[in-house]
Amino acid sequence: MTLDELPLGHDARIASVDWAALVPEEAQRLRALGFDEGAQVRLAYRGVFLGRDPLAIEIGRMTVALRRIHARAMQVEELAA
């Protein structure tokens, strides 16, 4: 599943990222924030309007707002509760 499909409040590990689907500057910034293969993430918030943007992703001790298009480029494996 992709990061934007992760159920709210669930933990997951990033399995792969389609870096080619992202603008190079955006990909570089996401890497700098720790969004890379093996990182543990949690979906903390999903927007309430039509596009369901933004998503709030907890990664490490940070909470980062992401657009769905960026989250869609990340394949995740849900972790056992």
Protein backbone atom coordinates (compact mmCIF):
# COMPACT_ATOMS: atom_id res chain seq x y z
CA MET A 1 0.00 0.00 0.00
CA THR A 2 1.09 3.59 -0.41
CA LEU A 3 1.59 5.98 2.49
CA ASP A 4 -1.59 7.91 1.65
CA GLU A 5 -3.61 4.65 1.97
CA LEU A 6 -2.30 3.85 5.46
CA PRO A 7 -5.10 3.82 8.05
CA LEU A 8 -5.11 6.78 10.42
CA GLY A 9 -2.99 6.20 13.53
CA HIS A 10 -1.25 3.09 12.16
CA ASP A 11 2.52 2.57 12.11
CA ALA A 12 4.38 1.49 8.99
CA ARG A 13 7.86 1.17 7.56
CA ILE A 14 8.74 2.73 4.20
CA ALA A 15 9.50 -0.18 1.87
CA SER A 16 10.35 1.83 -1.25
CA VAL A 17 10.10 5.31 -2.70
CA ASP A 18 9.52 6.14 -6.36
CA TRP A 19 11.98 9.04 -6.46
CA ALA A 20 11.46 9.43 -10.22
CA ALA A 21 7.81 10.38 -9.59
CA LEU A 22 8.91 13.43 -7.58
CA VAL A 23 10.49 16.72 -8.60
CA PRO A 24 14.24 16.42 -7.77
CA GLU A 25 14.14 19.30 -5.26
CA GLU A 26 11.14 17.74 -3.48
CA ALA A 27 12.84 14.34 -3.41
CA GLN A 28 15.98 15.89 -1.91
CA ARG A 29 13.95 17.67 0.78
CA LEU A 30 12.02 14.49 1.68
CA ARG A 31 15.28 12.58 2.01
CA ALA A 32 16.68 15.32 4.25
CA LEU A 33 13.60 14.95 6.48
CA GLY A 34 14.21 11.20 6.77
CA PHE A 35 11.68 9.85 4.27
CA ASP A 36 13.73 6.97 2.92
CA GLU A 37 13.55 3.19 2.76
CA GLY A 38 13.40 1.65 6.23
CA ALA A 39 12.07 4.72 8.05
CA GLN A 40 9.20 4.16 10.47
CA VAL A 41 6.21 6.46 9.98
CA ARG A 42 2.70 6.96 11.35
CA LEU A 43 -0.25 8.68 9.69
CA ALA A 44 -1.37 11.20 12.33
CA TYR A 45 -3.88 13.31 10.38
CA ARG A 46 -5.69 13.35 7.06
CA GLY A 47 -7.21 16.56 5.69
CA VAL A 48 -10.99 16.90 5.73
CA PHE A 49 -11.69 18.53 2.37
CA LEU A 50 -12.15 16.92 -1.04
CA GLY A 51 -8.49 16.25 -1.80
CA ARG A 52 -7.91 14.99 1.77
CA ASP A 53 -4.78 17.18 1.86
CA PRO A 54 -2.56 17.64 3.73
CA LEU A 55 -1.47 14.49 5.51
CA ALA A 56 0.40 14.78 8.81
CA ILE A 57 3.08 12.10 9.01
CA GLU A 58 5.01 11.38 12.20
CA ILE A 59 8.59 10.38 11.44
CA GLY A 60 11.05 10.16 14.30
CA ARG A 61 10.26 13.02 16.68
CA MET A 62 8.86 15.23 13.91
CA THR A 63 5.42 15.68 12.43
CA VAL A 64 5.62 16.65 8.76
CA ALA A 65 2.78 17.84 6.51
CA LEU A 66 2.83 16.10 3.13
CA ARG A 67 0.70 16.38 0.03
CA ARG A 68 -1.02 13.17 -1.03
CA ILE A 69 0.94 13.19 -4.31
CA HIS A 70 4.18 12.86 -2.32
CA ALA A 71 2.78 10.19 0.01
CA ARG A 72 1.55 8.25 -3.03
CA ALA A 73 5.17 7.83 -4.19
CA MET A 74 6.01 5.84 -1.02
CA GLN A 75 5.22 2.15 -0.61
CA VAL A 76 4.81 1.14 3.03
CA GLU A 77 4.46 -2.07 5.02
CA GLU A 78 2.11 -1.80 7.98
CA LEU A 79 3.68 -2.81 11.30
CA ALA A 80 1.93 -5.08 13.77
CA ALA A 81 0.13 -3.20 16.54
